Protein backbone atom coordinates (compact mmCIF):
# COMPACT_ATOMS: atom_id res chain seq x y z
CA MET A 1 21.58 -15.08 0.95
CA SER A 2 20.44 -18.02 -1.19
CA LEU A 3 22.35 -20.45 1.01
CA LEU A 4 20.81 -18.97 4.17
CA ARG A 5 17.36 -19.19 2.60
CA ASP A 6 17.97 -22.81 1.59
CA ILE A 7 19.08 -23.70 5.14
CA LYS A 8 15.98 -22.01 6.59
CA GLU A 9 13.71 -23.86 4.15
CA LEU A 10 15.38 -27.12 5.18
CA LEU A 11 15.05 -26.49 8.92
CA LEU A 12 11.71 -24.70 8.85
CA PRO A 13 9.93 -25.86 5.70
CA ARG A 14 6.96 -23.72 4.66
CA LEU A 15 3.84 -25.92 4.58
CA CYS A 16 0.50 -24.97 3.06
CA PRO A 17 -1.86 -24.20 5.98
CA VAL A 18 -4.73 -25.88 4.04
CA CYS A 19 -3.35 -29.16 2.64
CA GLY A 20 -0.08 -29.38 4.56
CA LYS A 21 2.10 -29.88 1.46
CA LEU A 22 5.46 -28.21 1.06
CA MET A 23 5.14 -24.76 -0.59
CA MET A 24 7.30 -23.54 -3.42
CA GLU A 25 9.42 -20.34 -3.10
CA THR A 26 6.98 -18.48 -5.35
CA GLU A 27 3.97 -19.41 -3.18
CA ASP A 28 3.06 -17.26 -0.22
CA VAL A 29 -0.22 -17.60 1.73
CA MET A 30 -0.94 -21.15 0.56
CA CYS A 31 -0.03 -23.47 -2.26
CA ALA A 32 -1.24 -22.58 -5.75
CA PHE A 33 -3.62 -25.56 -5.90
CA CYS A 34 -5.42 -24.47 -2.67
CA ALA A 35 -5.39 -20.83 -3.73
CA ILE A 36 -7.30 -21.76 -6.89
CA GLY A 37 -9.99 -23.54 -4.81
CA LEU A 38 -10.30 -20.73 -2.20
CA PRO A 39 -14.03 -20.54 -1.28
CA ARG A 40 -14.69 -16.88 -1.81
CA TYR A 41 -18.06 -15.49 -0.74
CA ARG A 42 -19.58 -13.39 -3.50
CA ILE A 43 -21.30 -10.23 -2.29
CA ALA A 44 -24.07 -8.91 -4.55
CA GLY A 45 -24.06 -5.39 -3.00
CA HIS A 46 -22.31 -3.78 -0.07
CA GLU A 47 -25.38 -1.94 1.15
CA ASP A 48 -27.88 -4.84 1.03
CA ASN A 49 -26.75 -8.40 1.60
CA ASN A 50 -27.07 -11.39 3.91
CA LEU A 51 -24.55 -10.10 6.41
CA LEU A 52 -26.39 -6.83 6.85
CA ARG A 53 -29.77 -8.50 7.25
CA LEU A 54 -28.40 -10.48 10.18
CA VAL A 55 -27.53 -7.31 12.14
CA TRP A 56 -30.10 -4.73 10.97
CA ASP A 57 -32.62 -5.67 13.68
CA ARG A 58 -29.97 -5.01 16.36
CA ALA A 59 -27.70 -2.26 15.04
CA ASP A 60 -27.51 0.42 12.31
CA VAL A 61 -24.83 -0.88 9.97
CA ARG A 62 -24.43 0.85 6.58
CA ARG A 63 -22.15 -1.44 4.60
CA ALA A 64 -20.81 -5.01 4.75
CA THR A 65 -18.55 -7.35 2.87
CA THR A 66 -16.59 -10.48 3.48
CA PHE A 67 -13.87 -12.53 1.73
CA LEU A 68 -14.45 -16.25 2.40
CA ALA A 69 -17.34 -18.64 2.70
CA TYR A 70 -16.73 -20.44 5.99
CA ASN A 71 -17.51 -24.11 6.51
CA HIS A 72 -16.32 -25.89 9.66
CA HIS A 73 -15.86 -29.15 7.75
CA SER A 74 -13.89 -27.61 4.88
CA PRO A 75 -10.08 -27.97 4.80
CA TYR A 76 -9.97 -24.13 4.54
CA HIS A 77 -11.19 -24.07 8.12
CA SER A 78 -7.57 -24.69 9.05
CA LEU A 79 -6.71 -21.16 7.87
CA ILE A 80 -8.73 -19.77 10.76
CA ILE A 81 -7.39 -22.29 13.21
CA GLU A 82 -3.76 -21.59 12.31
CA PHE A 83 -3.89 -17.82 12.90
CA LYS A 84 -6.39 -17.94 15.74
CA TYR A 85 -4.94 -20.70 17.90
CA HIS A 86 -1.50 -21.70 16.53
CA GLY A 87 0.32 -18.41 16.68
CA MET A 88 0.44 -17.69 12.93
CA SER A 89 -0.23 -13.96 13.23
CA ASP A 90 1.57 -13.38 9.93
CA LEU A 91 -1.05 -15.53 8.15
CA ALA A 92 -3.81 -13.22 9.50
CA ILE A 93 -1.94 -10.16 8.15
CA LYS A 94 -1.51 -11.79 4.68
CA LEU A 95 -5.18 -12.79 4.55
CA GLY A 96 -6.12 -9.29 5.60
CA ARG A 97 -4.14 -7.90 2.72
CA TRP A 98 -5.68 -10.28 0.27
CA ALA A 99 -9.24 -9.55 1.51
CA ALA A 100 -8.70 -5.81 1.40
CA THR A 101 -7.32 -5.91 -2.13
CA GLU A 102 -10.36 -7.77 -3.44
CA ALA A 103 -12.68 -5.37 -1.55
CA GLN A 104 -10.74 -2.44 -3.03
CA SER A 105 -11.53 -3.70 -6.54
CA GLN A 106 -15.24 -3.60 -5.55
CA ASN A 107 -15.01 0.00 -4.25
CA PHE A 108 -15.77 -1.01 -0.66
CA TRP A 109 -13.29 1.42 0.92
CA SER A 110 -14.68 4.69 -0.40
CA ASP A 111 -15.35 7.25 2.46
CA ILE A 112 -14.01 4.92 5.19
CA ASP A 113 -11.99 6.63 7.89
CA ALA A 114 -10.58 3.82 10.06
CA LEU A 115 -10.50 0.12 10.90
CA VAL A 116 -11.68 -1.06 14.32
CA PRO A 117 -10.82 -4.70 15.31
CA VAL A 118 -13.21 -6.73 17.48
CA PRO A 119 -11.44 -7.07 20.90
CA LEU A 120 -10.52 -10.16 22.85
CA THR A 121 -10.68 -10.63 26.60
CA TRP A 122 -7.34 -9.75 28.23
CA ARG A 123 -6.87 -13.39 29.11
CA LYS A 124 -7.19 -14.58 25.47
CA ARG A 125 -4.95 -11.80 24.26
CA TRP A 126 -2.29 -12.63 26.87
CA ARG A 127 -2.53 -16.38 26.04
CA ARG A 128 -2.29 -15.89 22.25
CA GLY A 129 0.08 -12.94 22.33
CA TYR A 130 -2.04 -10.93 19.87
CA ASN A 131 -5.59 -10.24 18.76
CA GLN A 132 -6.24 -12.04 15.44
CA SER A 133 -8.82 -9.45 14.41
CA GLU A 134 -6.22 -6.71 14.90
CA MET A 135 -3.76 -8.68 12.72
CA LEU A 136 -6.38 -8.94 9.99
CA ALA A 137 -6.98 -5.19 10.28
CA ARG A 138 -3.24 -4.52 10.05
CA GLY A 139 -3.12 -6.43 6.80
CA MET A 140 -6.08 -4.40 5.52
CA SER A 141 -4.39 -1.22 6.61
CA GLU A 142 -1.30 -2.05 4.55
CA VAL A 143 -3.48 -2.08 1.42
CA THR A 144 -5.81 0.81 2.20
CA GLY A 145 -3.60 3.11 4.24
CA LEU A 146 -6.43 3.38 6.89
CA PRO A 147 -5.43 3.57 10.56
CA VAL A 148 -6.25 0.73 12.95
CA LEU A 149 -7.96 2.03 16.05
CA ASN A 150 -8.56 -0.01 19.17
CA LEU A 151 -11.71 1.80 20.29
CA LEU A 152 -13.44 -1.23 21.77
CA ARG A 153 -12.83 -3.28 24.82
CA ARG A 154 -14.45 -6.43 26.09
CA THR A 155 -15.69 -5.84 29.62
CA LYS A 156 -17.01 -9.21 30.63
CA ASN A 157 -15.68 -12.77 30.42
CA ARG A 158 -18.31 -15.14 29.12
CA THR A 159 -18.44 -18.43 27.29
CA SER A 160 -16.53 -18.37 24.02
CA GLN A 161 -18.78 -17.74 21.02
CA THR A 162 -17.18 -20.69 19.20
CA LYS A 163 -18.89 -23.08 21.67
CA LEU A 164 -22.36 -21.64 21.19
CA LYS A 165 -25.00 -21.71 18.46
CA GLY A 166 -27.98 -19.65 17.36
CA GLU A 167 -29.82 -17.72 20.05
CA ALA A 168 -27.26 -18.67 22.66
CA ARG A 169 -24.62 -16.74 20.68
CA ILE A 170 -26.80 -13.70 20.51
CA LYS A 171 -27.59 -13.74 24.21
CA ASN A 172 -24.01 -14.37 25.17
CA ALA A 173 -22.69 -11.33 23.28
CA GLU A 174 -25.15 -8.78 24.74
CA GLY A 175 -23.66 -5.91 26.67
CA ILE A 176 -20.06 -7.22 26.80
CA TYR A 177 -18.44 -4.53 24.67
CA LYS A 178 -17.70 -0.90 25.51
CA ALA A 179 -16.30 1.82 23.31
CA SER A 180 -14.44 5.07 23.76
CA VAL A 181 -14.24 7.43 20.78
CA PRO A 182 -11.79 10.36 20.98
CA ASP A 183 -13.12 13.76 19.91
CA GLU A 184 -11.02 13.81 16.76
CA TRP A 185 -12.68 10.56 15.59
CA ARG A 186 -16.29 11.43 16.32
CA GLY A 187 -18.65 11.38 13.36
CA LYS A 188 -16.37 9.12 11.31
CA ARG A 189 -17.13 6.04 9.35
CA PHE A 190 -15.55 2.86 10.85
CA VAL A 191 -15.14 -0.66 9.54
CA LEU A 192 -15.40 -3.36 12.21
CA VAL A 193 -13.01 -6.24 11.46
CA ASP A 194 -13.49 -9.80 12.76
CA ASP A 195 -12.38 -13.27 11.79
CA VAL A 196 -15.67 -15.22 11.31
CA MET A 197 -19.27 -14.01 11.29
CA THR A 198 -21.93 -16.57 12.17
CA THR A 199 -25.10 -15.05 13.70
CA GLY A 200 -23.75 -11.51 13.58
CA SER A 201 -24.17 -11.10 17.36
CA THR A 202 -20.54 -10.04 18.04
CA LEU A 203 -20.38 -7.48 15.26
CA ALA A 204 -23.87 -6.14 16.08
CA ASN A 205 -22.93 -5.60 19.71
CA CYS A 206 -19.66 -3.97 18.78
CA ALA A 207 -21.56 -1.64 16.44
CA LEU A 208 -23.99 -0.77 19.27
CA ALA A 209 -21.10 -0.01 21.59
CA LEU A 210 -19.51 2.34 19.09
CA GLN A 211 -22.84 4.07 18.44
CA SER A 212 -23.49 4.40 22.16
CA ALA A 213 -20.13 6.16 22.52
CA ASP A 214 -20.75 8.31 19.43
CA GLU A 215 -24.28 8.55 17.95
CA SER A 216 -22.85 10.21 14.84
CA ALA A 217 -20.51 7.33 13.99
CA GLU A 218 -21.28 5.28 10.86
CA ILE A 219 -20.51 1.60 11.07
CA CYS A 220 -19.56 -0.94 8.38
CA ILE A 221 -18.49 -4.52 8.88
CA PHE A 222 -15.82 -6.72 7.33
CA PRO A 223 -15.48 -10.25 8.73
CA LEU A 224 -12.80 -12.26 6.94
CA ALA A 225 -15.24 -15.19 6.57
CA TYR A 226 -19.00 -15.66 6.74
CA ALA A 227 -20.61 -18.86 7.92
CA GLY A 228 -23.99 -18.21 6.32
């Protein structure tokens, strides 16, 4: 097995998705040097923080947390790029596990019933082969044991949120999500999972869609990274 592993490492060397250097056998998500510098976003409280204040004027969201501080000009931006556009779905799963583990130590998961990933358009999902938010949720599920439920769908194709800023993002996301909540999941507490939160428009509209389908649902949010 050691020989096979050595051949695999030779033909398909594992490179750090942040700095691009060759990773050692004991390193997993990224190299140790980049892991030490990982820009975590520190949440003061899960029930009153900057993420919640962005969505409170549009949706009733009870709890929020995140894992990383997002900066487009940071080398850690490549983490998002790799799993979002370059097919590294396993990286999203690993980051989901890591984020969920840290949130677990902060008691974020108490009373949560299920994870709900933010959906993609069918074209994007077909082109990428997966939904990166669902991969993040799967990683979180491995740590928490919570089920991943695809309760949301995106009903309209509009300009990608990544190309928009400020009020344009908010306007673009209005009314494009619909939800269907089975009877056995009504009145539950869901965590919406997404990759990056900027203005909060996507997560707010997903929360609204879930609450329109089930007024008794309680919504929490967990973007992997926050660009605030």
